[in-house]
């Protein structure tokens, strides 16, 4: 019952070491948890009614030096945080919020991962240099102030950036950036961008342009727009082809029709550091227009995953005419294992596949 009431479990699979996930609930159970948890980290998620959450916060406040994981789904706790002086959180490593707390008043020397939902990204928060992971989720915003994106280039420890835009419409600026970073001047490890619903191409292109200063090891683009969109390839690049995406590994994931050859050709022409490209695209536009690429620049690996309209003729053309180190085919419906075995015998070990 104790475990069911709190959904408490060791959190090693979250990557935060020892600790517990504590979902706010019955006060008596909270006291029991605190008495049994020794000096373990406290992972706190505030999602119930304001009355219950405020009472629970009062119980947990004396243990705020043990908080390592804090998720806030409501803005009702701002006053009580001030009243209880809950701004010195020496162990806090993860912060997620739906409504903005006053981040400039927090002392969080260990904070490395922050998730923000449906609010503007804060301009130059005091802990930005220590952040290694940032997740930003924006839903159904008619306008979004992109000025805060300038802060990303000031995050000197940033490794992983995830941006998710759901039915967003327009960008605006509340202040001018005095000096834009040079293109591809800020290296990070991974960038994930998800575009959903009716987000227009103009919005997407502007976002890509704003991120043109990034040089990443991996970029994943997920396109999940409404079905009327039949040209997903037009949502892959910014207004200036070659500025974005710029990465060693580029992956495109979409269920919408897409001209993958257009995407591949532009990546090869304009991204000097690309080594690997992956397509997870069931439906190709321009099926038979597979280009005769003779010079793929730095591209070494091409991977097609669950590409249902990819034909054996296309695969054979690529395998024989493209100077790749590896051509990988994974669960593509029209490609048989017998065909791949025969092709592998002909071209050698660069063919890899899973059927």
Protein backbone atom coordinates (compact mmCIF):
# COMPACT_ATOMS: atom_id res chain seq x y z
CA UNK A 1 0.00 0.00 0.00
CA UNK A 2 2.86 2.35 0.84
CA UNK A 3 4.40 1.79 -2.58
CA UNK A 4 1.06 2.08 -4.41
CA UNK A 5 0.07 5.30 -2.68
CA UNK A 6 3.33 7.02 -3.55
CA UNK A 7 4.46 5.30 -6.73
CA UNK A 8 7.85 5.06 -5.03
CA UNK A 9 10.66 3.13 -6.63
CA UNK A 10 14.41 3.30 -6.92
CA UNK A 11 15.15 5.68 -9.74
CA UNK A 12 18.36 4.35 -11.25
CA UNK A 13 16.63 3.98 -14.62
CA UNK A 14 16.08 7.76 -14.68
CA UNK A 15 19.82 8.35 -14.59
CA UNK A 16 19.76 10.17 -11.26
CA UNK A 17 21.45 7.52 -9.05
CA UNK A 18 20.00 6.68 -5.66
CA UNK A 19 16.71 8.14 -4.75
CA UNK A 20 12.96 7.83 -4.88
CA UNK A 21 10.18 9.26 -6.98
CA UNK A 22 7.71 10.89 -4.62
CA UNK A 23 4.27 11.71 -6.04
CA UNK A 24 2.56 14.05 -3.58
CA UNK A 25 -0.30 12.36 -1.72
CA UNK A 26 -1.43 11.51 1.80
CA UNK A 27 0.48 13.37 4.48
CA UNK A 28 0.77 10.39 6.80
CA UNK A 29 2.39 8.40 4.02
CA UNK A 30 4.83 11.23 3.38
CA UNK A 31 5.94 11.14 7.01
CA UNK A 32 6.40 7.37 6.72
CA UNK A 33 8.47 7.79 3.59
CA UNK A 34 10.72 10.40 5.18
CA UNK A 35 11.33 8.26 8.24
CA UNK A 36 12.34 5.25 6.14
CA UNK A 37 14.32 6.95 3.38
CA UNK A 38 17.44 7.82 5.38
CA UNK A 39 19.47 10.33 3.37
CA UNK A 40 18.18 9.26 -0.05
CA UNK A 41 17.42 11.90 -2.65
CA UNK A 42 13.80 13.05 -2.89
CA UNK A 43 12.21 13.16 -6.33
CA UNK A 44 9.13 15.34 -5.97
CA UNK A 45 6.25 15.66 -8.41
CA UNK A 46 3.49 18.18 -7.65
CA UNK A 47 0.37 17.34 -9.59
CA UNK A 48 -2.60 17.01 -7.22
CA UNK A 49 -4.95 19.66 -5.85
CA UNK A 50 -3.40 22.91 -4.54
CA UNK A 51 -4.57 22.12 -0.99
CA UNK A 52 -2.88 18.71 -0.87
CA UNK A 53 0.27 19.93 -2.59
CA UNK A 54 0.66 22.94 -0.31
CA UNK A 55 0.27 20.79 2.79
CA UNK A 56 2.75 18.29 1.42
CA UNK A 57 5.24 21.03 0.63
CA UNK A 58 5.10 22.20 4.24
CA UNK A 59 5.98 18.66 5.36
CA UNK A 60 8.81 18.35 2.85
CA UNK A 61 10.25 21.85 3.25
CA UNK A 62 12.63 20.90 6.11
CA UNK A 63 14.10 18.26 3.77
CA UNK A 64 14.60 20.55 0.79
CA UNK A 65 18.34 19.94 1.00
CA UNK A 66 17.56 16.39 -0.23
CA UNK A 67 15.43 17.38 -3.23
CA UNK A 68 17.11 16.25 -6.43
CA UNK A 69 14.16 16.08 -8.84
CA UNK A 70 11.30 18.60 -8.88
CA UNK A 71 8.32 18.66 -11.24
CA UNK A 72 5.71 21.42 -10.97
CA UNK A 73 2.47 21.21 -12.93
CA UNK A 74 0.83 24.34 -11.52
CA UNK A 75 1.64 27.94 -10.69
CA UNK A 76 -0.15 27.86 -7.33
CA UNK A 77 3.02 27.06 -5.37
CA UNK A 78 4.83 30.34 -6.02
CA UNK A 79 3.61 32.07 -2.85
CA UNK A 80 4.20 29.09 -0.59
CA UNK A 81 7.73 28.69 -1.98
CA UNK A 82 8.45 32.25 -0.92
CA UNK A 83 6.83 31.78 2.48
CA UNK A 84 8.83 28.62 3.19
CA UNK A 85 12.04 29.99 1.69
CA UNK A 86 12.35 27.08 -0.74
CA UNK A 87 15.00 28.59 -2.95
CA UNK A 88 18.17 26.93 -1.64
CA UNK A 89 18.13 23.46 -3.22
CA UNK A 90 21.73 22.20 -3.09
CA UNK A 91 21.03 18.72 -4.53
CA UNK A 92 18.52 19.63 -7.22
CA UNK A 93 19.62 18.20 -10.56
CA UNK A 94 16.33 18.16 -12.51
CA UNK A 95 13.62 20.83 -12.69
CA UNK A 96 10.44 20.63 -14.77
CA UNK A 97 7.69 23.23 -14.74
CA UNK A 98 4.49 24.09 -16.58
CA UNK A 99 4.14 27.60 -15.15
CA UNK A 100 7.24 29.72 -14.55
CA UNK A 101 8.75 30.04 -11.10
CA UNK A 102 11.07 32.96 -10.49
CA UNK A 103 14.19 31.15 -11.65
CA UNK A 104 16.42 34.09 -10.76
CA UNK A 105 15.82 33.52 -7.03
CA UNK A 106 16.83 29.84 -6.96
CA UNK A 107 20.18 28.65 -5.65
CA UNK A 108 20.65 25.37 -7.52
CA UNK A 109 24.38 24.65 -7.83
CA UNK A 110 23.81 21.05 -9.05
CA UNK A 111 21.03 21.73 -11.58
CA UNK A 112 21.93 20.21 -14.96
CA UNK A 113 18.62 19.27 -16.61
CA UNK A 114 15.60 21.55 -17.06
CA UNK A 115 12.29 20.98 -18.83
CA UNK A 116 10.00 23.91 -19.64
CA UNK A 117 6.42 23.60 -20.93
CA UNK A 118 4.25 26.25 -22.59
CA UNK A 119 6.16 29.32 -21.41
CA UNK A 120 8.83 31.56 -22.87
CA UNK A 121 12.38 30.43 -22.31
CA UNK A 122 13.90 32.70 -19.62
CA UNK A 123 16.49 35.17 -20.80
CA UNK A 124 19.93 34.35 -19.35
CA UNK A 125 18.98 32.44 -16.18
CA UNK A 126 21.80 32.53 -13.61
CA UNK A 127 22.49 28.78 -13.80
CA UNK A 128 22.62 28.55 -17.61
CA UNK A 129 26.34 27.76 -17.75
CA UNK A 130 25.85 24.54 -15.75
CA UNK A 131 22.96 23.09 -17.79
CA UNK A 132 23.77 19.99 -19.84
CA UNK A 133 20.22 19.06 -20.95
CA UNK A 134 17.33 21.35 -21.94
CA UNK A 135 13.83 20.28 -23.02
CA UNK A 136 11.36 22.86 -24.32
CA UNK A 137 7.74 21.95 -25.14
CA UNK A 138 5.46 24.62 -26.64
CA UNK A 139 1.79 23.93 -27.39
CA UNK A 140 -0.75 26.00 -29.32
CA UNK A 141 0.98 29.35 -29.03
CA UNK A 142 -0.18 32.03 -31.48
CA UNK A 143 3.12 33.82 -31.00
CA UNK A 144 6.42 32.91 -29.41
CA UNK A 145 9.25 35.17 -28.33
CA UNK A 146 12.34 33.65 -29.89
CA UNK A 147 14.71 36.07 -28.11
CA UNK A 148 15.39 33.52 -25.39
CA UNK A 149 16.97 31.18 -27.95
CA UNK A 150 20.04 33.40 -27.79
CA UNK A 151 20.63 31.93 -24.32
CA UNK A 152 21.38 28.50 -25.76
CA UNK A 153 24.71 29.65 -27.16
CA UNK A 154 25.67 30.91 -23.69
CA UNK A 155 25.17 27.46 -22.16
CA UNK A 156 28.78 26.40 -22.26
CA UNK A 157 28.06 22.94 -20.81
CA UNK A 158 25.01 22.15 -22.98
CA UNK A 159 25.12 18.69 -24.56
CA UNK A 160 21.50 17.77 -25.36
CA UNK A 161 18.75 20.08 -26.59
CA UNK A 162 15.17 18.95 -27.29
CA UNK A 163 12.55 21.27 -28.83
CA UNK A 164 8.91 20.26 -29.38
CA UNK A 165 6.48 22.63 -31.15
CA UNK A 166 2.77 21.78 -31.21
CA UNK A 167 0.53 23.93 -33.41
CA UNK A 168 2.63 27.09 -32.98
CA UNK A 169 2.09 29.98 -35.40
CA UNK A 170 4.37 33.03 -35.27
CA UNK A 171 7.71 34.19 -33.89
CA UNK A 172 8.52 37.57 -32.42
CA UNK A 173 11.36 39.28 -30.56
CA UNK A 174 11.08 41.21 -27.30
CA UNK A 175 14.68 42.39 -27.45
CA UNK A 176 17.41 42.61 -30.05
CA UNK A 177 20.33 40.22 -29.94
CA UNK A 178 23.41 42.45 -29.99
CA UNK A 179 25.55 39.94 -31.87
CA UNK A 180 24.38 36.75 -33.50
CA UNK A 181 26.78 33.82 -33.13
CA UNK A 182 28.64 32.72 -36.22
CA UNK A 183 27.00 29.82 -38.10
CA UNK A 184 27.93 26.39 -36.77
CA UNK A 185 30.11 27.89 -34.03
CA UNK A 186 28.51 26.28 -30.95
CA UNK A 187 29.04 22.49 -30.68
CA UNK A 188 26.63 20.22 -28.79
CA UNK A 189 26.11 16.47 -28.85
CA UNK A 190 22.45 16.06 -29.77
CA UNK A 191 19.52 18.12 -31.01
CA UNK A 192 15.98 16.78 -31.31
CA UNK A 193 13.26 18.84 -33.00
CA UNK A 194 9.62 17.75 -33.20
CA UNK A 195 7.05 19.63 -35.30
CA UNK A 196 3.39 18.74 -34.71
CA UNK A 197 -0.11 19.50 -35.99
CA UNK A 198 -0.64 22.74 -37.95
CA UNK A 199 2.68 24.45 -37.29
CA UNK A 200 3.38 26.33 -40.57
CA UNK A 201 6.52 25.99 -42.64
CA UNK A 202 7.41 29.68 -42.12
CA UNK A 203 7.55 29.15 -38.35
CA UNK A 204 9.70 26.04 -38.76
CA UNK A 205 12.12 27.75 -41.14
CA UNK A 206 12.59 30.65 -38.72
CA UNK A 207 13.29 28.25 -35.85
CA UNK A 208 15.92 26.50 -37.96
CA UNK A 209 17.48 29.86 -38.88
CA UNK A 210 17.67 30.80 -35.18
CA UNK A 211 19.51 27.53 -34.47
CA UNK A 212 21.98 27.96 -37.31
CA UNK A 213 24.84 28.63 -34.90
CA UNK A 214 24.67 25.04 -33.63
CA UNK A 215 27.01 22.30 -34.83
CA UNK A 216 25.78 18.97 -33.50
CA UNK A 217 26.93 15.38 -33.45
CA UNK A 218 23.38 14.12 -34.04
CA UNK A 219 20.17 15.79 -35.23
CA UNK A 220 16.79 14.05 -35.12
CA UNK A 221 13.87 15.74 -36.91
CA UNK A 222 10.37 14.41 -36.20
CA UNK A 223 7.63 15.75 -38.49
CA UNK A 224 4.13 14.99 -37.21
CA UNK A 225 2.03 17.61 -38.97
CA UNK A 226 -1.60 17.21 -40.01
CA UNK A 227 -2.22 14.77 -42.92
CA UNK A 228 -2.95 17.45 -45.59
CA UNK A 229 0.81 18.12 -45.63
CA UNK A 230 2.20 16.09 -48.53
CA UNK A 231 5.64 17.67 -48.77
CA UNK A 232 7.38 16.90 -45.48
CA UNK A 233 10.73 17.56 -47.17
CA UNK A 234 9.86 21.28 -47.16
CA UNK A 235 9.99 21.23 -43.33
CA UNK A 236 13.59 19.96 -43.09
CA UNK A 237 15.59 23.09 -43.99
CA UNK A 238 15.64 26.73 -42.96
CA UNK A 239 15.16 29.69 -45.28
CA UNK A 240 18.81 29.33 -46.26
CA UNK A 241 19.70 25.78 -47.26
CA UNK A 242 22.99 24.79 -45.67
CA UNK A 243 22.54 26.69 -42.42
CA UNK A 244 20.46 23.91 -40.83
CA UNK A 245 20.66 20.99 -40.27
CA UNK A 246 24.43 20.83 -39.77
CA UNK A 247 25.50 17.62 -38.07
CA UNK A 248 27.58 14.46 -38.33
CA UNK A 249 24.45 12.29 -38.13
CA UNK A 250 21.08 13.46 -39.46
CA UNK A 251 17.86 11.46 -39.03
CA UNK A 252 14.43 12.26 -40.45
CA UNK A 253 11.32 10.60 -39.00
CA UNK A 254 7.85 11.17 -40.49
CA UNK A 255 4.73 9.29 -41.58
CA UNK A 256 3.98 11.99 -44.16
CA UNK A 257 4.94 11.75 -47.85
CA UNK A 258 8.45 13.06 -48.34
CA UNK A 259 10.89 13.54 -51.21
CA UNK A 260 13.85 11.86 -49.54
CA UNK A 261 16.05 12.33 -52.60
CA UNK A 262 15.57 16.12 -52.39
CA UNK A 263 16.53 15.98 -48.70
CA UNK A 264 19.54 13.75 -49.29
CA UNK A 265 20.82 15.79 -52.21
CA UNK A 266 20.67 19.06 -50.25
CA UNK A 267 22.30 17.55 -47.17
CA UNK A 268 25.17 16.15 -49.24
CA UNK A 269 25.66 19.45 -51.07
CA UNK A 270 25.50 21.79 -48.10
CA UNK A 271 26.56 19.90 -44.94
CA UNK A 272 30.31 19.42 -45.06
CA UNK A 273 30.51 17.34 -41.86
CA UNK A 274 27.73 14.79 -42.43
CA UNK A 275 28.81 11.16 -42.09
CA UNK A 276 25.49 9.37 -41.67
CA UNK A 277 21.90 9.98 -42.82
CA UNK A 278 18.88 7.95 -41.73
CA UNK A 279 15.37 8.05 -43.19
CA UNK A 280 12.39 6.62 -41.35
CA UNK A 281 9.82 7.57 -43.99
CA UNK A 282 7.19 5.03 -45.13
CA UNK A 283 6.03 7.00 -48.20
CA UNK A 284 8.43 8.49 -50.75
CA UNK A 285 7.50 11.23 -53.20
CA UNK A 286 9.12 10.94 -56.65
CA UNK A 287 9.57 7.20 -56.30
CA UNK A 288 11.61 6.56 -59.42
CA UNK A 289 13.69 9.74 -59.33
CA UNK A 290 16.53 8.21 -57.37
CA UNK A 291 19.48 10.44 -58.35
CA UNK A 292 22.70 9.02 -59.67
CA UNK A 293 24.92 10.29 -56.88
CA UNK A 294 28.57 9.89 -57.81
CA UNK A 295 30.02 12.26 -55.24
CA UNK A 296 28.53 12.07 -51.76
CA UNK A 297 31.15 14.25 -50.12
CA UNK A 298 31.73 13.18 -46.52
CA UNK A 299 28.68 10.85 -46.37
CA UNK A 300 29.69 7.33 -45.36
CA UNK A 301 26.50 5.64 -44.12
CA UNK A 302 22.95 5.71 -45.53
CA UNK A 303 20.20 4.00 -43.53
CA UNK A 304 16.59 3.38 -44.61
CA UNK A 305 14.31 2.24 -41.79
CA UNK A 306 10.68 1.15 -42.30
CA UNK A 307 10.57 2.84 -45.70
CA UNK A 308 7.61 0.94 -47.14
CA UNK A 309 7.82 2.32 -50.69
CA UNK A 310 11.57 1.84 -51.10
CA UNK A 311 11.99 -0.58 -54.01
CA UNK A 312 14.61 -3.21 -54.71
CA UNK A 313 15.52 -1.34 -57.89
CA UNK A 314 16.32 1.78 -55.84
CA UNK A 315 18.42 -0.20 -53.38
CA UNK A 316 20.36 -1.88 -56.19
CA UNK A 317 20.99 1.47 -57.87
CA UNK A 318 22.29 3.00 -54.65
CA UNK A 319 24.40 -0.02 -53.72
CA UNK A 320 26.14 -0.14 -57.09
CA UNK A 321 26.47 3.56 -57.89
CA UNK A 322 27.02 5.24 -54.55
CA UNK A 323 30.44 5.26 -52.90
CA UNK A 324 29.29 4.47 -49.36
CA UNK A 325 31.02 2.51 -46.63
CA UNK A 326 27.66 1.21 -45.40
CA UNK A 327 24.15 0.95 -46.86
CA UNK A 328 21.68 -0.23 -44.22
CA UNK A 329 18.13 -1.48 -44.82
CA UNK A 330 15.86 -2.12 -41.81
CA UNK A 331 12.34 -3.57 -42.09
CA UNK A 332 11.43 -2.10 -45.49
CA UNK A 333 8.38 -3.99 -46.78
CA UNK A 334 9.32 -4.22 -50.46
CA UNK A 335 12.86 -5.47 -49.85
CA UNK A 336 13.24 -9.24 -49.53
CA UNK A 337 15.97 -11.05 -47.65
CA UNK A 338 16.80 -13.11 -50.75
CA UNK A 339 17.39 -9.95 -52.74
CA UNK A 340 19.63 -8.52 -50.01
CA UNK A 341 21.62 -11.75 -49.76
CA UNK A 342 22.27 -11.75 -53.51
CA UNK A 343 23.17 -8.07 -53.52
CA UNK A 344 25.51 -8.53 -50.58
CA UNK A 345 27.32 -11.31 -52.44
CA UNK A 346 27.82 -8.91 -55.33
CA UNK A 347 28.92 -5.72 -53.55
CA UNK A 348 30.46 -7.05 -50.33
CA UNK A 349 30.24 -6.18 -46.66
CA UNK A 350 28.91 -2.64 -46.95
CA UNK A 351 25.34 -4.02 -47.10
CA UNK A 352 23.66 -4.36 -43.69
CA UNK A 353 20.02 -5.27 -43.20
CA UNK A 354 17.27 -6.39 -40.85
CA UNK A 355 14.05 -7.76 -42.35
